[in-house]
Amino acid sequence: MTHDTTPDSRRLPEGFEDLDQFLDRWSTPTSHERWICRSTTPYPEVLRFYEVMFARAEEATVYLERFPLDDMPEPAVNLFRLLLAMCHAGVSVEIHQSPAVRHAPPKHALQILTGFQPHG
């Protein structure tokens, strides 16, 4: 799928276009949705996402620090959501080596209804 890259239609900030491949799956608005995404994604995909995002995390953080959390342009919001999802993926990679906790009930027992706003 190709995207028009005019300034008004970019999905990610300039220089981060290579991360576009992850947006449809990983750019979710709430912590609960990020947890669901992580736990239902095959581990090799979680690992790949985590490795690619981790390599760009510092650069992305520096870029995002120029915006207030409640007033980011949409491409920056998408990049920020990818960073938040990377943290969720990190739990799978660094702790469980699995998308979800092994030998635990598959249903998430705690549903987070609201989180740190505006990015849940």
N, C-alpha and C. Protein backbone atom coordinates (compact mmCIF):
# COMPACT_ATOMS: atom_id res chain seq x y z
N MET A 1 0.85 -1.17 0.00
CA MET A 1 0.00 0.00 0.00
C MET A 1 0.90 1.23 0.00
N THR A 2 0.62 2.16 -0.86
CA THR A 2 1.39 3.40 -0.90
C THR A 2 0.55 4.52 -0.32
N HIS A 3 1.25 5.48 0.23
CA HIS A 3 0.58 6.62 0.85
C HIS A 3 1.11 7.89 0.21
N ASP A 4 0.21 8.83 0.01
CA ASP A 4 0.63 10.15 -0.45
C ASP A 4 1.49 10.75 0.65
N THR A 5 2.62 11.32 0.31
CA THR A 5 3.51 11.85 1.34
C THR A 5 3.53 13.37 1.37
N THR A 6 2.45 14.00 0.94
CA THR A 6 2.38 15.44 1.09
C THR A 6 2.29 15.75 2.57
N PRO A 7 2.76 16.93 2.99
CA PRO A 7 2.77 17.25 4.43
C PRO A 7 1.44 17.03 5.13
N ASP A 8 0.31 17.24 4.45
CA ASP A 8 -0.99 17.10 5.09
C ASP A 8 -1.46 15.67 5.20
N SER A 9 -0.82 14.72 4.51
CA SER A 9 -1.34 13.36 4.51
C SER A 9 -0.35 12.32 5.04
N ARG A 10 0.82 12.73 5.46
CA ARG A 10 1.78 11.77 6.00
C ARG A 10 1.24 11.12 7.25
N ARG A 11 1.52 9.85 7.41
CA ARG A 11 1.09 9.15 8.62
C ARG A 11 2.14 9.21 9.71
N LEU A 12 3.38 9.48 9.33
CA LEU A 12 4.49 9.60 10.29
C LEU A 12 5.33 10.81 9.93
N PRO A 13 6.05 11.35 10.88
CA PRO A 13 6.91 12.50 10.59
C PRO A 13 8.00 12.14 9.56
N GLU A 14 8.47 13.15 8.88
CA GLU A 14 9.55 12.96 7.91
C GLU A 14 10.74 12.29 8.59
N GLY A 15 11.30 11.31 7.92
CA GLY A 15 12.43 10.57 8.46
C GLY A 15 12.04 9.30 9.18
N PHE A 16 10.75 9.11 9.44
CA PHE A 16 10.28 7.91 10.14
C PHE A 16 9.36 7.07 9.25
N GLU A 17 9.40 7.32 7.96
CA GLU A 17 8.50 6.63 7.04
C GLU A 17 8.69 5.11 7.06
N ASP A 18 9.89 4.65 7.37
CA ASP A 18 10.15 3.20 7.40
C ASP A 18 9.32 2.49 8.46
N LEU A 19 8.80 3.23 9.43
CA LEU A 19 8.00 2.63 10.50
C LEU A 19 6.52 2.50 10.12
N ASP A 20 6.16 3.05 8.96
CA ASP A 20 4.77 3.01 8.50
C ASP A 20 4.24 1.57 8.45
N GLN A 21 5.10 0.64 8.16
CA GLN A 21 4.70 -0.77 8.06
C GLN A 21 4.07 -1.29 9.36
N PHE A 22 4.31 -0.63 10.47
CA PHE A 22 3.81 -1.08 11.76
C PHE A 22 2.54 -0.35 12.21
N LEU A 23 2.18 0.73 11.54
CA LEU A 23 1.08 1.56 12.04
C LEU A 23 -0.25 0.83 12.13
N ASP A 24 -0.63 0.11 11.10
CA ASP A 24 -1.97 -0.48 11.09
C ASP A 24 -2.17 -1.46 12.24
N ARG A 25 -1.14 -2.15 12.65
CA ARG A 25 -1.28 -3.11 13.75
C ARG A 25 -1.00 -2.47 15.11
N TRP A 26 0.02 -1.65 15.22
CA TRP A 26 0.54 -1.25 16.53
C TRP A 26 0.13 0.14 17.01
N SER A 27 -0.35 1.02 16.15
CA SER A 27 -0.70 2.38 16.59
C SER A 27 -2.12 2.40 17.11
N THR A 28 -2.28 2.08 18.40
CA THR A 28 -3.60 2.04 19.01
C THR A 28 -3.70 3.12 20.08
N PRO A 29 -4.91 3.62 20.31
CA PRO A 29 -5.05 4.78 21.20
C PRO A 29 -5.02 4.51 22.70
N THR A 30 -5.19 3.25 23.14
CA THR A 30 -5.24 3.02 24.58
C THR A 30 -4.27 1.91 25.00
N SER A 31 -3.94 1.92 26.26
CA SER A 31 -3.07 0.90 26.83
C SER A 31 -3.71 -0.49 26.70
N HIS A 32 -4.99 -0.59 26.94
CA HIS A 32 -5.68 -1.87 26.84
C HIS A 32 -5.57 -2.42 25.41
N GLU A 33 -5.79 -1.57 24.42
CA GLU A 33 -5.68 -2.01 23.03
C GLU A 33 -4.25 -2.43 22.69
N ARG A 34 -3.26 -1.73 23.27
CA ARG A 34 -1.87 -2.13 23.04
C ARG A 34 -1.60 -3.51 23.66
N TRP A 35 -2.16 -3.76 24.83
CA TRP A 35 -2.00 -5.07 25.46
C TRP A 35 -2.63 -6.16 24.60
N ILE A 36 -3.83 -5.92 24.10
CA ILE A 36 -4.51 -6.89 23.23
C ILE A 36 -3.67 -7.13 21.98
N CYS A 37 -3.16 -6.08 21.40
CA CYS A 37 -2.33 -6.21 20.20
C CYS A 37 -1.12 -7.08 20.48
N ARG A 38 -0.42 -6.78 21.54
CA ARG A 38 0.77 -7.55 21.90
C ARG A 38 0.44 -9.01 22.14
N SER A 39 -0.61 -9.28 22.86
CA SER A 39 -0.92 -10.65 23.26
C SER A 39 -1.50 -11.49 22.13
N THR A 40 -1.95 -10.86 21.06
CA THR A 40 -2.54 -11.61 19.94
C THR A 40 -1.66 -11.62 18.70
N THR A 41 -0.50 -11.02 18.78
CA THR A 41 0.42 -10.98 17.65
C THR A 41 1.42 -12.13 17.80
N PRO A 42 1.69 -12.88 16.73
CA PRO A 42 2.68 -13.94 16.84
C PRO A 42 4.03 -13.39 17.32
N TYR A 43 4.69 -14.16 18.17
CA TYR A 43 5.93 -13.69 18.79
C TYR A 43 6.98 -13.21 17.78
N PRO A 44 7.22 -13.90 16.67
CA PRO A 44 8.23 -13.38 15.72
C PRO A 44 7.91 -11.96 15.24
N GLU A 45 6.61 -11.64 15.09
CA GLU A 45 6.23 -10.29 14.68
C GLU A 45 6.44 -9.29 15.82
N VAL A 46 6.14 -9.70 17.03
CA VAL A 46 6.38 -8.83 18.20
C VAL A 46 7.87 -8.53 18.29
N LEU A 47 8.69 -9.55 18.16
CA LEU A 47 10.14 -9.39 18.24
C LEU A 47 10.66 -8.46 17.15
N ARG A 48 10.20 -8.65 15.93
CA ARG A 48 10.64 -7.79 14.81
C ARG A 48 10.25 -6.34 15.07
N PHE A 49 9.00 -6.11 15.46
CA PHE A 49 8.54 -4.75 15.76
C PHE A 49 9.40 -4.13 16.86
N TYR A 50 9.61 -4.87 17.93
CA TYR A 50 10.38 -4.36 19.05
C TYR A 50 11.81 -4.00 18.62
N GLU A 51 12.45 -4.86 17.88
CA GLU A 51 13.84 -4.60 17.47
C GLU A 51 13.94 -3.37 16.57
N VAL A 52 13.01 -3.23 15.63
CA VAL A 52 13.04 -2.06 14.74
C VAL A 52 12.75 -0.79 15.52
N MET A 53 11.73 -0.82 16.37
CA MET A 53 11.37 0.37 17.14
C MET A 53 12.44 0.73 18.16
N PHE A 54 13.01 -0.26 18.82
CA PHE A 54 14.04 0.00 19.81
C PHE A 54 15.23 0.73 19.18
N ALA A 55 15.57 0.34 17.97
CA ALA A 55 16.68 0.98 17.26
C ALA A 55 16.39 2.45 16.94
N ARG A 56 15.12 2.82 16.85
CA ARG A 56 14.74 4.20 16.51
C ARG A 56 14.18 4.96 17.70
N ALA A 57 14.09 4.33 18.88
CA ALA A 57 13.40 4.93 20.02
C ALA A 57 14.01 6.24 20.48
N GLU A 58 15.32 6.31 20.59
CA GLU A 58 15.94 7.55 21.07
C GLU A 58 15.70 8.69 20.08
N GLU A 59 15.87 8.41 18.82
CA GLU A 59 15.64 9.43 17.79
C GLU A 59 14.17 9.88 17.80
N ALA A 60 13.26 8.94 17.94
CA ALA A 60 11.83 9.28 17.98
C ALA A 60 11.51 10.11 19.22
N THR A 61 12.09 9.76 20.35
CA THR A 61 11.86 10.50 21.59
C THR A 61 12.35 11.93 21.47
N VAL A 62 13.52 12.11 20.93
CA VAL A 62 14.06 13.46 20.73
C VAL A 62 13.12 14.27 19.84
N TYR A 63 12.64 13.65 18.76
CA TYR A 63 11.71 14.35 17.86
C TYR A 63 10.44 14.74 18.62
N LEU A 64 9.87 13.83 19.39
CA LEU A 64 8.59 14.08 20.04
C LEU A 64 8.65 15.06 21.19
N GLU A 65 9.83 15.25 21.77
CA GLU A 65 9.95 16.18 22.90
C GLU A 65 9.63 17.62 22.53
N ARG A 66 9.54 17.93 21.28
CA ARG A 66 9.22 19.32 20.87
C ARG A 66 7.73 19.64 20.96
N PHE A 67 6.90 18.62 21.21
CA PHE A 67 5.45 18.82 21.24
C PHE A 67 4.88 18.57 22.63
N PRO A 68 3.87 19.36 23.03
CA PRO A 68 3.15 19.01 24.26
C PRO A 68 2.31 17.75 24.02
N LEU A 69 2.14 16.93 25.05
CA LEU A 69 1.41 15.67 24.89
C LEU A 69 0.00 15.86 24.37
N ASP A 70 -0.64 16.96 24.72
CA ASP A 70 -2.02 17.16 24.32
C ASP A 70 -2.17 18.00 23.06
N ASP A 71 -1.08 18.26 22.35
CA ASP A 71 -1.17 19.07 21.14
C ASP A 71 -0.12 18.64 20.11
N MET A 72 -0.15 17.37 19.75
CA MET A 72 0.77 16.85 18.75
C MET A 72 0.07 16.77 17.40
N PRO A 73 0.78 17.05 16.32
CA PRO A 73 0.18 16.79 15.01
C PRO A 73 0.00 15.28 14.83
N GLU A 74 -0.92 14.90 13.99
CA GLU A 74 -1.27 13.48 13.82
C GLU A 74 -0.07 12.59 13.51
N PRO A 75 0.87 12.97 12.64
CA PRO A 75 2.03 12.11 12.42
C PRO A 75 2.84 11.87 13.70
N ALA A 76 2.95 12.89 14.54
CA ALA A 76 3.67 12.73 15.81
C ALA A 76 2.89 11.83 16.76
N VAL A 77 1.57 11.95 16.79
CA VAL A 77 0.74 11.07 17.63
C VAL A 77 0.98 9.61 17.22
N ASN A 78 1.00 9.35 15.92
CA ASN A 78 1.23 7.98 15.45
C ASN A 78 2.60 7.47 15.88
N LEU A 79 3.61 8.31 15.80
CA LEU A 79 4.95 7.91 16.23
C LEU A 79 4.97 7.65 17.74
N PHE A 80 4.32 8.51 18.50
CA PHE A 80 4.24 8.34 19.94
C PHE A 80 3.55 7.03 20.31
N ARG A 81 2.47 6.72 19.61
CA ARG A 81 1.76 5.47 19.87
C ARG A 81 2.64 4.26 19.56
N LEU A 82 3.47 4.36 18.53
CA LEU A 82 4.40 3.26 18.24
C LEU A 82 5.40 3.09 19.38
N LEU A 83 5.86 4.20 19.95
CA LEU A 83 6.77 4.09 21.10
C LEU A 83 6.08 3.44 22.30
N LEU A 84 4.84 3.82 22.54
CA LEU A 84 4.10 3.21 23.64
C LEU A 84 3.92 1.71 23.39
N ALA A 85 3.62 1.35 22.14
CA ALA A 85 3.46 -0.07 21.79
C ALA A 85 4.79 -0.81 21.93
N MET A 86 5.90 -0.14 21.63
CA MET A 86 7.20 -0.76 21.81
C MET A 86 7.41 -1.16 23.27
N CYS A 87 6.94 -0.33 24.18
CA CYS A 87 7.07 -0.66 25.61
C CYS A 87 6.27 -1.91 25.94
N HIS A 88 5.09 -2.05 25.37
CA HIS A 88 4.30 -3.26 25.58
C HIS A 88 5.01 -4.47 24.96
N ALA A 89 5.53 -4.29 23.76
CA ALA A 89 6.26 -5.38 23.10
C ALA A 89 7.48 -5.77 23.92
N GLY A 90 8.09 -4.80 24.58
CA GLY A 90 9.25 -5.07 25.41
C GLY A 90 8.96 -6.05 26.53
N VAL A 91 7.76 -6.03 27.06
CA VAL A 91 7.39 -6.99 28.10
C VAL A 91 7.46 -8.40 27.52
N SER A 92 6.94 -8.56 26.31
CA SER A 92 6.99 -9.88 25.66
C SER A 92 8.42 -10.32 25.39
N VAL A 93 9.23 -9.41 24.88
CA VAL A 93 10.59 -9.75 24.45
C VAL A 93 11.52 -9.91 25.65
N GLU A 94 11.50 -8.96 26.55
CA GLU A 94 12.49 -8.92 27.62
C GLU A 94 12.12 -9.79 28.83
N ILE A 95 10.84 -10.09 29.00
CA ILE A 95 10.43 -10.85 30.19
C ILE A 95 9.90 -12.24 29.83
N HIS A 96 8.92 -12.29 28.93
CA HIS A 96 8.21 -13.55 28.69
C HIS A 96 8.72 -14.37 27.51
N GLN A 97 9.39 -13.75 26.56
CA GLN A 97 9.76 -14.41 25.31
C GLN A 97 8.54 -15.09 24.68
N SER A 98 7.42 -14.41 24.80
CA SER A 98 6.14 -14.89 24.31
C SER A 98 5.20 -13.68 24.26
N PRO A 99 4.22 -13.68 23.36
CA PRO A 99 3.31 -12.53 23.30
C PRO A 99 2.50 -12.31 24.58
N ALA A 100 2.21 -13.40 25.27
CA ALA A 100 1.42 -13.31 26.50
C ALA A 100 2.13 -14.10 27.59
N VAL A 101 1.64 -13.97 28.79
CA VAL A 101 2.23 -14.69 29.92
C VAL A 101 1.90 -16.18 29.76
N ARG A 102 2.93 -17.00 29.77
CA ARG A 102 2.71 -18.45 29.65
C ARG A 102 2.00 -18.97 30.89
N HIS A 103 1.13 -19.95 30.68
CA HIS A 103 0.42 -20.64 31.77
C HIS A 103 -0.49 -19.69 32.55
N ALA A 104 -0.92 -18.64 31.91
CA ALA A 104 -1.86 -17.71 32.53
C ALA A 104 -3.15 -17.73 31.71
N PRO A 105 -4.27 -17.36 32.32
CA PRO A 105 -5.52 -17.32 31.55
C PRO A 105 -5.35 -16.42 30.33
N PRO A 106 -5.91 -16.83 29.18
CA PRO A 106 -5.73 -16.04 27.96
C PRO A 106 -6.46 -14.70 27.98
N LYS A 107 -7.54 -14.61 28.75
CA LYS A 107 -8.28 -13.35 28.80
C LYS A 107 -7.60 -12.40 29.79
N HIS A 108 -7.45 -11.17 29.36
CA HIS A 108 -6.86 -10.15 30.19
C HIS A 108 -7.83 -9.89 31.36
N ALA A 109 -7.40 -10.17 32.57
CA ALA A 109 -8.28 -10.06 33.73
C ALA A 109 -8.54 -8.61 34.14
N LEU A 110 -7.67 -7.73 33.81
CA LEU A 110 -7.80 -6.33 34.19
C LEU A 110 -7.94 -5.49 32.93
N GLN A 111 -9.06 -4.82 32.80
CA GLN A 111 -9.25 -3.95 31.66
C GLN A 111 -9.04 -2.51 32.11
N ILE A 112 -8.05 -1.87 31.51
CA ILE A 112 -7.74 -0.48 31.83
C ILE A 112 -8.69 0.40 31.03
N LEU A 113 -9.58 1.09 31.71
CA LEU A 113 -10.58 1.91 31.03
C LEU A 113 -10.07 3.29 30.68
N THR A 114 -9.16 3.80 31.48
CA THR A 114 -8.58 5.10 31.17
C THR A 114 -7.14 5.10 31.67
N GLY A 115 -6.32 5.79 30.97
CA GLY A 115 -4.92 5.86 31.35
C GLY A 115 -4.46 7.30 31.34
N PHE A 116 -3.15 7.46 31.28
CA PHE A 116 -2.63 8.81 31.21
C PHE A 116 -3.12 9.46 29.93
N GLN A 117 -3.82 10.52 30.08
CA GLN A 117 -4.42 11.19 28.93
C GLN A 117 -3.45 12.19 28.35
N PRO A 118 -3.49 12.44 27.08
CA PRO A 118 -4.52 12.04 26.14
C PRO A 118 -4.22 10.74 25.40
N HIS A 119 -3.25 9.97 25.82
CA HIS A 119 -2.86 8.79 25.06
C HIS A 119 -3.13 7.49 25.78
N GLY A 120 -4.11 7.48 26.66
CA GLY A 120 -4.63 6.32 27.34
C GLY A 120 -3.66 5.31 27.74
